[in-house]
Amino acid sequence: MITLNDIEAAHHRIRPTIHVTPCEYSETFTALSGNPVYFKLENLHMTGSFKERGALNKLLLMSPEERAKGVICASAGNHAQGVAYHATRLGIRALIYMPEHAPITKVNATERFGGEVVLFGKSFDEALAEAKRRGVADGLTFVHAFDDPAVIAGQGSIGLEILSQNPFIEAVLVPIGGGGLIGGIACAIKETNPKIKIVGVQTSRVPSMIAALAKHEPVELPAATTIADGIAVRRAGAHTLPLVEKYVDDVVTVEEEEIASAILYLLEREKTVAEGAGATAVAALLHNKTKLRGKKTVTLICGGNIDPLFLCQIIERGMVKDGRLIRIRVIIPDRPGALHALTGVFADMRVNVVSIAHERAYHGVTLGNTSVEATIETRGSAHLDEFFARLVEQKYVYERIR
């Protein structure tokens, strides 16, 4: 098990290169959650996530002979970029195995940072197994994404930064995948101030650490799809589980819609881009998943590498959930001026029309009537209720399409 001394040594080792990320107070999320909230913005690293810390610490501990042969790793994206960036900077060859379905943005970024990407297997586990086999065959040093003492110690430097930036904190919320991030942070903070609460957050789709804590040993869970793909680790680490058992006070889960909502809130309210894994701790805060009440809380935003097209989907779904983007079907008389009258109601209520379709033969419309299907934008649920009330007042028959 790593110690505070290991983390302090790692912090000293990587400090000349690793960016000290801000730990900023958020008035907006303080008001939303009821806790004084500070965001530790690990999404602001060169590669967009905290993974640089552990990767660099591991690379700096390698012997000249190991560096000459090169390194190999398996990753769905963020670890790959961290290893590629710092290995290339140090003149070390980096062979990166990624699953075939890895987001193209993360594949391109890994190559841009100098990594030699090999797409292999239908899942991360297949890519991992092949990377380990190739590493042994070619004599390359394997850099594990989380279950390595040097990597854990590097991630623990975040805990030391938090303590120096805000020594009066009372709680820290940390996303959990395999446990390397929370293991290092929890050790650094608890060994310095055991009164500070450490709460981990997992996606409910793959709660591998919760399963491991229940059995007191790593348990392999079935594969599942989640927007928090960066923490969709099916089996907790052998090195990380003891740290979580010793130092972490609680582990909670969040749902997919809650993560999506957190991504949208961060983008709109904080002007901060977070990927699914990076927003899980914020989701727990927003949706009252913890027992923390009124405590000065640092919440980690651990990564911001989200595909732009997927971000568009998140924004659209979030607007639908908040009642700001809806689709309705309205039955109107099939005569000149009827559509104009309906769009006049839209205009009077300051409802923006995104798209509109006019159908006579579908949806069970009776002769003499027609169906108008429209996607509209509102200012929110209160505005939407006012709009529906106006439709009823004008005697329109309508339904909301979900």
Protein backbone atom coordinates (compact mmCIF):
# COMPACT_ATOMS: atom_id res chain seq x y z
CA MET A 1 0.00 0.00 0.00
CA ILE A 2 1.31 3.45 -0.89
CA THR A 3 2.04 5.97 1.88
CA LEU A 4 1.91 9.72 2.29
CA ASN A 5 5.68 9.76 1.76
CA ASP A 6 5.20 8.08 -1.65
CA ILE A 7 2.67 10.73 -2.65
CA GLU A 8 4.83 13.61 -1.43
CA ALA A 9 7.79 12.20 -3.38
CA ALA A 10 5.63 11.85 -6.50
CA HIS A 11 4.33 15.40 -6.07
CA HIS A 12 7.88 16.76 -5.85
CA ARG A 13 8.92 14.65 -8.85
CA ILE A 14 6.17 15.78 -11.23
CA ARG A 15 5.71 19.37 -10.01
CA PRO A 16 8.13 20.99 -12.52
CA THR A 17 6.00 19.67 -15.40
CA ILE A 18 2.43 19.13 -14.20
CA HIS A 19 0.09 22.12 -14.20
CA VAL A 20 -1.33 23.03 -10.76
CA THR A 21 -5.03 23.12 -11.59
CA PRO A 22 -7.38 25.70 -10.02
CA CYS A 23 -9.65 24.90 -7.08
CA GLU A 24 -12.34 27.51 -7.67
CA TYR A 25 -15.34 28.50 -5.55
CA SER A 26 -18.69 28.20 -7.35
CA GLU A 27 -21.48 30.52 -6.25
CA THR A 28 -23.91 28.81 -8.62
CA PHE A 29 -23.38 25.25 -7.40
CA THR A 30 -23.21 26.41 -3.79
CA ALA A 31 -26.73 27.78 -4.22
CA LEU A 32 -27.93 24.68 -6.07
CA SER A 33 -26.54 22.12 -3.61
CA GLY A 34 -26.61 23.87 -0.24
CA ASN A 35 -22.90 23.10 0.25
CA PRO A 36 -20.07 25.62 -0.17
CA VAL A 37 -18.65 24.13 -3.39
CA TYR A 38 -15.17 24.32 -4.88
CA PHE A 39 -14.28 22.70 -8.21
CA LYS A 40 -10.87 21.11 -8.67
CA LEU A 41 -10.50 21.56 -12.43
CA GLU A 42 -8.44 18.58 -13.57
CA ASN A 43 -9.96 18.97 -17.04
CA LEU A 44 -7.54 21.86 -17.62
CA HIS A 45 -4.43 19.72 -18.09
CA MET A 46 -2.76 19.67 -21.49
CA THR A 47 -4.36 16.30 -22.29
CA GLY A 48 -7.69 17.20 -20.66
CA SER A 49 -7.58 14.93 -17.59
CA PHE A 50 -5.81 14.06 -14.34
CA LYS A 51 -4.24 10.95 -15.90
CA GLU A 52 -1.06 12.85 -16.74
CA ARG A 53 -0.01 12.84 -13.09
CA GLY A 54 0.20 9.10 -12.55
CA ALA A 55 1.58 8.42 -16.02
CA LEU A 56 4.41 10.92 -15.59
CA ASN A 57 5.35 9.64 -12.15
CA LYS A 58 5.60 6.10 -13.52
CA LEU A 59 7.72 7.23 -16.48
CA LEU A 60 10.11 9.23 -14.28
CA LEU A 61 10.72 6.17 -12.07
CA MET A 62 11.84 4.01 -15.02
CA SER A 63 15.49 3.09 -15.46
CA PRO A 64 17.43 4.28 -18.55
CA GLU A 65 17.30 0.71 -19.88
CA GLU A 66 13.51 0.56 -19.51
CA ARG A 67 13.11 3.95 -21.18
CA ALA A 68 15.21 2.80 -24.13
CA LYS A 69 12.85 -0.13 -24.77
CA GLY A 70 9.65 1.90 -24.42
CA VAL A 71 6.27 1.64 -22.70
CA ILE A 72 2.93 0.09 -23.49
CA CYS A 73 -0.54 0.63 -22.06
CA ALA A 74 -4.21 0.00 -22.69
CA SER A 75 -6.79 2.74 -22.39
CA ALA A 76 -10.16 3.93 -23.65
CA GLY A 77 -8.73 7.43 -24.02
CA ASN A 78 -7.51 9.66 -21.18
CA HIS A 79 -4.74 7.42 -19.82
CA ALA A 80 -3.61 6.86 -23.40
CA GLN A 81 -3.21 10.58 -23.95
CA GLY A 82 -1.37 11.11 -20.68
CA VAL A 83 1.11 8.32 -21.40
CA ALA A 84 1.59 9.38 -25.04
CA TYR A 85 2.15 13.04 -24.21
CA HIS A 86 4.72 12.58 -21.46
CA ALA A 87 6.47 9.59 -23.02
CA THR A 88 6.98 11.54 -26.24
CA ARG A 89 8.19 14.57 -24.30
CA LEU A 90 10.76 12.36 -22.53
CA GLY A 91 11.83 10.64 -25.75
CA ILE A 92 10.25 7.28 -24.85
CA ARG A 93 8.38 5.18 -27.41
CA ALA A 94 4.74 4.70 -26.38
CA LEU A 95 2.62 1.88 -27.79
CA ILE A 96 -1.05 2.44 -26.95
CA TYR A 97 -3.72 -0.27 -27.25
CA MET A 98 -7.26 1.03 -27.49
CA PRO A 99 -10.51 -0.89 -28.10
CA GLU A 100 -11.91 -0.70 -31.62
CA HIS A 101 -14.89 1.38 -30.45
CA ALA A 102 -12.74 4.02 -28.72
CA PRO A 103 -13.98 7.56 -29.48
CA ILE A 104 -12.29 8.87 -32.60
CA THR A 105 -11.50 12.16 -30.88
CA LYS A 106 -9.46 10.32 -28.22
CA VAL A 107 -7.72 8.14 -30.82
CA ASN A 108 -6.74 11.20 -32.83
CA ALA A 109 -5.58 13.07 -29.74
CA THR A 110 -3.42 10.13 -28.61
CA GLU A 111 -1.73 10.02 -32.01
CA ARG A 112 -1.31 13.79 -31.99
CA PHE A 113 0.53 13.50 -28.66
CA GLY A 114 2.93 11.01 -30.22
CA GLY A 115 1.50 7.63 -29.24
CA GLU A 116 1.50 4.66 -31.62
CA VAL A 117 -2.15 3.59 -31.46
CA VAL A 118 -3.19 -0.02 -32.02
CA LEU A 119 -6.95 -0.59 -32.16
CA PHE A 120 -7.64 -4.07 -30.83
CA GLY A 121 -10.67 -5.96 -29.53
CA LYS A 122 -14.32 -5.23 -28.95
CA SER A 123 -13.79 -4.19 -25.33
CA PHE A 124 -11.24 -2.57 -23.06
CA ASP A 125 -10.55 -5.95 -21.45
CA GLU A 126 -9.52 -7.45 -24.79
CA ALA A 127 -7.26 -4.48 -25.52
CA LEU A 128 -5.75 -4.76 -22.04
CA ALA A 129 -5.02 -8.48 -22.35
CA GLU A 130 -3.32 -8.02 -25.71
CA ALA A 131 -1.30 -5.03 -24.47
CA LYS A 132 0.02 -7.09 -21.54
CA ARG A 133 0.91 -9.98 -23.85
CA ARG A 134 2.68 -7.66 -26.30
CA GLY A 135 4.51 -5.91 -23.47
CA VAL A 136 5.98 -9.18 -22.17
CA ALA A 137 6.87 -10.35 -25.68
CA ASP A 138 8.64 -7.10 -26.64
CA GLY A 139 10.14 -6.25 -23.25
CA LEU A 140 8.12 -3.04 -22.88
CA THR A 141 7.22 -1.52 -19.51
CA PHE A 142 3.47 -1.76 -18.91
CA VAL A 143 1.87 1.40 -17.51
CA HIS A 144 -1.40 0.43 -15.84
CA ALA A 145 -4.23 2.96 -15.92
CA PHE A 146 -4.89 2.73 -12.16
CA ASP A 147 -3.62 -0.41 -10.43
CA ASP A 148 0.04 0.56 -10.01
CA PRO A 149 1.57 2.15 -6.87
CA ALA A 150 3.52 4.73 -8.90
CA VAL A 151 0.40 5.74 -10.81
CA ILE A 152 -1.69 5.95 -7.62
CA ALA A 153 0.96 8.08 -5.93
CA GLY A 154 0.98 10.46 -8.89
CA GLN A 155 -2.80 10.87 -8.73
CA GLY A 156 -2.48 11.48 -4.99
CA SER A 157 -0.68 14.76 -5.74
CA ILE A 158 -4.15 16.20 -6.35
CA GLY A 159 -4.92 15.70 -2.68
CA LEU A 160 -1.84 17.65 -1.63
CA GLU A 161 -2.77 20.48 -4.01
CA ILE A 162 -6.32 20.62 -2.62
CA LEU A 163 -5.01 20.90 0.94
CA SER A 164 -2.64 23.71 0.02
CA GLN A 165 -5.30 25.58 -1.98
CA ASN A 166 -8.11 25.20 0.57
CA PRO A 167 -6.94 23.99 3.99
CA PHE A 168 -10.40 24.53 5.50
CA ILE A 169 -12.29 22.01 3.37
CA GLU A 170 -14.51 19.45 5.09
CA ALA A 171 -15.26 16.99 2.27
CA VAL A 172 -14.01 15.85 -1.14
CA LEU A 173 -16.12 14.20 -3.86
CA VAL A 174 -14.15 12.00 -6.27
CA PRO A 175 -15.23 9.90 -9.30
CA ILE A 176 -14.27 6.21 -9.10
CA GLY A 177 -13.38 3.83 -11.90
CA GLY A 178 -10.68 1.40 -10.88
CA GLY A 179 -9.86 3.40 -7.77
CA GLY A 180 -6.43 4.88 -8.54
CA LEU A 181 -7.62 8.48 -8.36
CA ILE A 182 -9.60 8.24 -5.14
CA GLY A 183 -7.05 5.91 -3.55
CA GLY A 184 -4.22 8.41 -3.97
CA ILE A 185 -6.29 11.47 -3.03
CA ALA A 186 -7.84 9.78 0.02
CA CYS A 187 -4.46 8.64 1.33
CA ALA A 188 -2.93 12.12 0.91
CA ILE A 189 -5.85 13.89 2.61
CA LYS A 190 -6.72 11.44 5.37
CA GLU A 191 -3.09 11.04 6.46
CA THR A 192 -2.90 14.82 6.73
CA ASN A 193 -6.35 15.56 8.16
CA PRO A 194 -8.48 12.49 9.00
CA LYS A 195 -11.54 14.67 9.77
CA ILE A 196 -12.09 15.46 6.08
CA LYS A 197 -14.76 13.24 4.53
CA ILE A 198 -13.90 11.42 1.30
CA VAL A 199 -16.85 10.28 -0.82
CA GLY A 200 -16.49 8.31 -4.05
CA VAL A 201 -18.96 8.39 -6.94
CA GLN A 202 -19.55 5.62 -9.49
CA THR A 203 -21.92 5.18 -12.38
CA SER A 204 -24.76 2.85 -11.40
CA ARG A 205 -24.13 0.91 -14.63
CA VAL A 206 -20.70 -0.36 -13.46
CA PRO A 207 -20.37 -0.07 -9.65
CA SER A 208 -17.26 -2.26 -9.44
CA MET A 209 -15.80 -0.62 -6.32
CA ILE A 210 -19.07 -0.99 -4.41
CA ALA A 211 -19.12 -4.68 -5.37
CA ALA A 212 -15.50 -5.06 -4.28
CA LEU A 213 -16.17 -3.38 -0.92
CA ALA A 214 -19.10 -5.72 -0.29
CA LYS A 215 -16.96 -8.82 -0.98
CA HIS A 216 -13.67 -7.41 0.38
CA GLU A 217 -12.01 -8.39 -2.88
CA PRO A 218 -12.15 -7.27 -6.51
CA VAL A 219 -15.23 -8.56 -8.32
CA GLU A 220 -15.63 -8.57 -12.10
CA LEU A 221 -18.94 -7.10 -13.24
CA PRO A 222 -20.63 -7.60 -16.62
CA ALA A 223 -19.85 -5.05 -19.30
CA ALA A 224 -22.30 -2.16 -19.62
CA THR A 225 -22.66 0.94 -21.73
CA THR A 226 -22.47 4.30 -19.96
CA ILE A 227 -21.81 7.91 -20.87
CA ALA A 228 -19.19 7.84 -18.10
CA ASP A 229 -16.99 5.56 -20.22
CA GLY A 230 -13.80 6.80 -18.54
CA ILE A 231 -14.80 5.12 -15.26
CA ALA A 232 -16.60 2.08 -16.70
CA VAL A 233 -14.08 -0.27 -15.07
CA ARG A 234 -15.50 -3.74 -14.54
CA ARG A 235 -13.05 -4.79 -11.81
CA ALA A 236 -11.56 -2.66 -9.03
CA GLY A 237 -7.79 -2.76 -8.58
CA ALA A 238 -5.95 -5.04 -6.17
CA HIS A 239 -3.77 -2.11 -5.08
CA THR A 240 -6.61 0.40 -4.93
CA LEU A 241 -9.22 -1.57 -2.96
CA PRO A 242 -7.23 -1.58 0.33
CA LEU A 243 -6.79 2.19 0.06
CA VAL A 244 -10.52 2.71 -0.47
CA GLU A 245 -11.37 0.39 2.44
CA LYS A 246 -8.99 2.27 4.73
CA TYR A 247 -9.56 5.89 3.76
CA VAL A 248 -12.88 6.40 1.92
CA ASP A 249 -15.97 7.19 4.01
CA ASP A 250 -18.68 6.40 1.49
CA VAL A 251 -19.27 5.42 -2.14
CA VAL A 252 -22.48 6.39 -3.96
CA THR A 253 -23.81 5.93 -7.49
CA VAL A 254 -25.42 8.24 -10.04
CA GLU A 255 -27.71 7.51 -12.99
CA GLU A 256 -27.13 8.28 -16.66
CA GLU A 257 -29.63 11.15 -16.81
CA GLU A 258 -28.09 12.68 -13.70
CA ILE A 259 -24.63 12.64 -15.30
CA ALA A 260 -26.02 14.18 -18.49
CA SER A 261 -27.72 16.89 -16.43
CA ALA A 262 -24.45 17.64 -14.62
CA ILE A 263 -22.59 18.00 -17.93
CA LEU A 264 -25.19 20.49 -19.13
CA TYR A 265 -25.23 22.46 -15.87
CA LEU A 266 -21.44 22.75 -15.88
CA LEU A 267 -21.46 23.94 -19.47
CA GLU A 268 -24.26 26.47 -18.99
CA ARG A 269 -23.63 27.73 -15.47
CA GLU A 270 -19.85 27.38 -15.08
CA LYS A 271 -18.71 27.54 -18.73
CA THR A 272 -16.82 24.31 -17.99
CA VAL A 273 -16.62 21.32 -20.33
CA ALA A 274 -16.68 17.91 -18.61
CA GLU A 275 -16.92 14.42 -20.05
CA GLY A 276 -19.25 11.84 -18.51
CA ALA A 277 -16.70 10.45 -16.05
CA GLY A 278 -15.56 13.96 -15.22
CA ALA A 279 -19.07 15.04 -14.24
CA THR A 280 -20.10 12.12 -12.01
CA ALA A 281 -19.06 13.80 -8.75
CA VAL A 282 -20.95 16.93 -9.77
CA ALA A 283 -24.00 14.76 -10.52
CA ALA A 284 -23.88 13.34 -6.99
CA LEU A 285 -23.71 16.86 -5.59
CA LEU A 286 -26.58 18.18 -7.73
CA HIS A 287 -28.90 15.26 -7.03
CA ASN A 288 -28.27 14.96 -3.28
CA LYS A 289 -26.69 11.50 -3.45
CA THR A 290 -24.38 12.11 -0.48
CA LYS A 291 -24.92 12.67 3.24
CA LEU A 292 -22.86 15.85 3.10
CA ARG A 293 -24.91 18.81 4.27
CA GLY A 294 -23.47 22.29 4.58
CA LYS A 295 -19.86 21.08 4.39
CA LYS A 296 -17.18 22.94 2.46
CA THR A 297 -16.85 20.48 -0.41
CA VAL A 298 -14.24 20.13 -3.13
CA THR A 299 -15.69 18.33 -6.15
CA LEU A 300 -13.35 16.90 -8.76
CA ILE A 301 -13.99 17.52 -12.43
CA CYS A 302 -11.47 14.93 -13.51
CA GLY A 303 -11.71 15.11 -17.32
CA GLY A 304 -13.08 17.15 -20.20
CA ASN A 305 -12.46 15.00 -23.26
CA ILE A 306 -15.96 14.71 -24.66
CA ASP A 307 -16.81 14.14 -28.31
CA PRO A 308 -18.42 17.32 -29.78
CA LEU A 309 -21.24 15.38 -31.45
CA PHE A 310 -22.00 13.54 -28.23
CA LEU A 311 -21.95 16.86 -26.37
CA CYS A 312 -24.60 18.10 -28.81
CA GLN A 313 -26.76 15.10 -27.89
CA ILE A 314 -26.25 15.78 -24.18
CA ILE A 315 -27.27 19.42 -24.63
CA GLU A 316 -30.38 18.44 -26.60
CA ARG A 317 -31.44 15.77 -24.08
CA GLY A 318 -30.83 18.12 -21.20
CA MET A 319 -32.99 20.77 -22.80
CA VAL A 320 -35.75 18.18 -23.30
CA LYS A 321 -35.53 17.12 -19.66
CA ASP A 322 -35.73 20.75 -18.47
CA GLY A 323 -38.76 21.47 -20.68
CA ARG A 324 -36.80 23.88 -22.86
CA LEU A 325 -37.01 21.73 -25.99
CA ILE A 326 -40.22 19.80 -26.63
CA ARG A 327 -42.20 18.29 -29.46
CA ILE A 328 -45.98 18.71 -29.62
CA ARG A 329 -48.75 17.61 -31.96
CA VAL A 330 -51.68 20.01 -32.40
CA ILE A 331 -54.89 19.30 -34.30
CA ILE A 332 -56.13 22.27 -36.29
CA PRO A 333 -58.90 22.80 -38.92
CA ASP A 334 -57.78 22.07 -42.49
CA ARG A 335 -58.55 25.51 -43.89
CA PRO A 336 -56.63 28.63 -44.93
CA GLY A 337 -55.32 30.69 -42.01
CA ALA A 338 -55.48 27.91 -39.38
CA LEU A 339 -51.71 27.28 -39.37
CA HIS A 340 -51.11 31.04 -39.31
CA ALA A 341 -53.33 31.33 -36.23
CA LEU A 342 -51.44 28.56 -34.43
CA THR A 343 -48.02 30.05 -35.19
CA GLY A 344 -49.44 33.35 -33.95
CA VAL A 345 -49.93 31.71 -30.55
CA PHE A 346 -46.31 30.56 -30.70
CA ALA A 347 -45.20 34.11 -31.44
CA ASP A 348 -47.40 35.70 -28.76
CA MET A 349 -45.94 33.31 -26.14
CA ARG A 350 -42.35 33.93 -27.32
CA VAL A 351 -41.97 30.24 -28.19
CA ASN A 352 -39.32 29.59 -30.83
CA VAL A 353 -40.15 27.05 -33.56
CA VAL A 354 -37.23 24.75 -34.39
CA SER A 355 -39.09 22.58 -36.90
CA ILE A 356 -42.67 22.07 -38.04
CA ALA A 357 -44.51 19.43 -40.13
CA HIS A 358 -48.05 19.45 -41.50
CA GLU A 359 -49.86 16.07 -41.99
CA ARG A 360 -53.40 15.27 -43.13
CA ALA A 361 -53.30 11.47 -43.53
CA TYR A 362 -51.59 10.28 -40.35
CA HIS A 363 -52.08 10.16 -36.57
CA GLY A 364 -55.78 9.33 -36.86
CA VAL A 365 -56.71 12.83 -38.01
CA THR A 366 -60.37 13.10 -39.03
CA LEU A 367 -61.44 14.57 -42.35
CA GLY A 368 -61.58 18.33 -42.20
CA ASN A 369 -58.68 18.53 -39.75
CA THR A 370 -54.90 18.30 -40.01
CA SER A 371 -52.06 17.51 -37.63
CA VAL A 372 -49.22 19.95 -36.97
CA GLU A 373 -46.13 18.49 -35.33
CA ALA A 374 -43.66 21.08 -34.05
CA THR A 375 -40.40 21.07 -32.12
CA ILE A 376 -40.24 24.24 -30.03
CA GLU A 377 -37.91 26.01 -27.60
CA THR A 378 -39.14 27.55 -24.34
CA ARG A 379 -37.44 29.27 -21.41
CA GLY A 380 -38.16 26.35 -19.09
CA SER A 381 -40.90 24.42 -17.35
CA ALA A 382 -42.77 27.51 -16.05
CA HIS A 383 -42.85 29.06 -19.53
CA LEU A 384 -43.97 25.71 -20.97
CA ASP A 385 -46.88 25.53 -18.51
CA GLU A 386 -47.96 29.04 -19.56
CA PHE A 387 -47.81 28.00 -23.22
CA PHE A 388 -49.93 24.88 -22.63
CA ALA A 389 -52.45 26.98 -20.70
CA ARG A 390 -52.73 29.33 -23.69
CA LEU A 391 -53.37 26.39 -26.05
CA VAL A 392 -56.18 25.16 -23.77
CA GLU A 393 -57.59 28.70 -23.55
CA GLN A 394 -57.64 28.88 -27.36
CA LYS A 395 -59.36 25.46 -27.43
CA TYR A 396 -56.57 23.64 -29.28
CA VAL A 397 -56.36 19.84 -28.95
CA TYR A 398 -52.70 18.91 -28.42
CA GLU A 399 -50.39 16.23 -27.04
CA ARG A 400 -46.78 16.30 -25.96
CA ILE A 401 -44.61 13.78 -27.83
CA ARG A 402 -42.02 12.13 -25.59
